């Protein structure tokens, strides 16, 4: 594989991983918000 082709492949993979990391981070934030709301409801009902 030519050096330029390899660099392009690496760049695409890095971009794909950044997008996946962003998606996972947003998903984790949502789960955290839901857990926080559930805990607050539990505290309110006790």
Protein backbone atom coordinates (compact mmCIF):
# COMPACT_ATOMS: atom_id res chain seq x y z
CA UNK A 1 0.00 0.00 0.00
CA UNK A 2 1.32 3.42 -0.87
CA UNK A 3 2.22 5.79 1.92
CA UNK A 4 -0.51 8.28 0.95
CA UNK A 5 -3.15 5.52 0.79
CA UNK A 6 -2.10 4.34 4.25
CA UNK A 7 -2.35 7.89 5.63
CA UNK A 8 -5.84 8.26 4.14
CA UNK A 9 -6.89 4.92 5.64
CA UNK A 10 -5.55 5.93 9.05
CA UNK A 11 -7.29 9.31 8.81
CA UNK A 12 -10.62 7.67 7.98
CA UNK A 13 -10.28 5.21 10.85
CA UNK A 14 -9.39 8.02 13.26
CA UNK A 15 -12.45 9.97 12.09
CA UNK A 16 -14.67 6.91 12.52
CA UNK A 17 -13.35 6.36 16.04
CA UNK A 18 -13.90 10.01 16.98
CA UNK A 19 -17.51 9.80 15.78
CA UNK A 20 -18.05 6.57 17.74
CA UNK A 21 -16.48 8.11 20.85
CA UNK A 22 -18.77 11.14 20.55
CA UNK A 23 -21.82 8.87 20.14
CA UNK A 24 -20.85 6.78 23.16
CA UNK A 25 -20.22 9.90 25.23
CA UNK A 26 -23.64 11.30 24.36
CA UNK A 27 -25.24 7.94 25.18
CA UNK A 28 -23.42 7.82 28.51
CA UNK A 29 -24.56 11.37 29.34
CA UNK A 30 -28.16 10.34 28.65
CA UNK A 31 -27.89 7.25 30.88
CA UNK A 32 -26.35 9.38 33.63
CA UNK A 33 -29.16 11.95 33.39
CA UNK A 34 -31.78 9.18 33.57
CA UNK A 35 -30.08 7.60 36.59
CA UNK A 36 -29.83 10.97 38.30
CA UNK A 37 -33.55 11.63 37.73
CA UNK A 38 -34.43 8.17 39.07
CA UNK A 39 -32.36 8.74 42.21
CA UNK A 40 -34.00 12.13 42.74
CA UNK A 41 -37.44 10.49 42.43
CA UNK A 42 -36.42 7.83 44.96
CA UNK A 43 -35.28 10.53 47.39
CA UNK A 44 -38.50 12.52 46.91
CA UNK A 45 -40.63 9.45 47.68
CA UNK A 46 -38.75 8.47 50.82
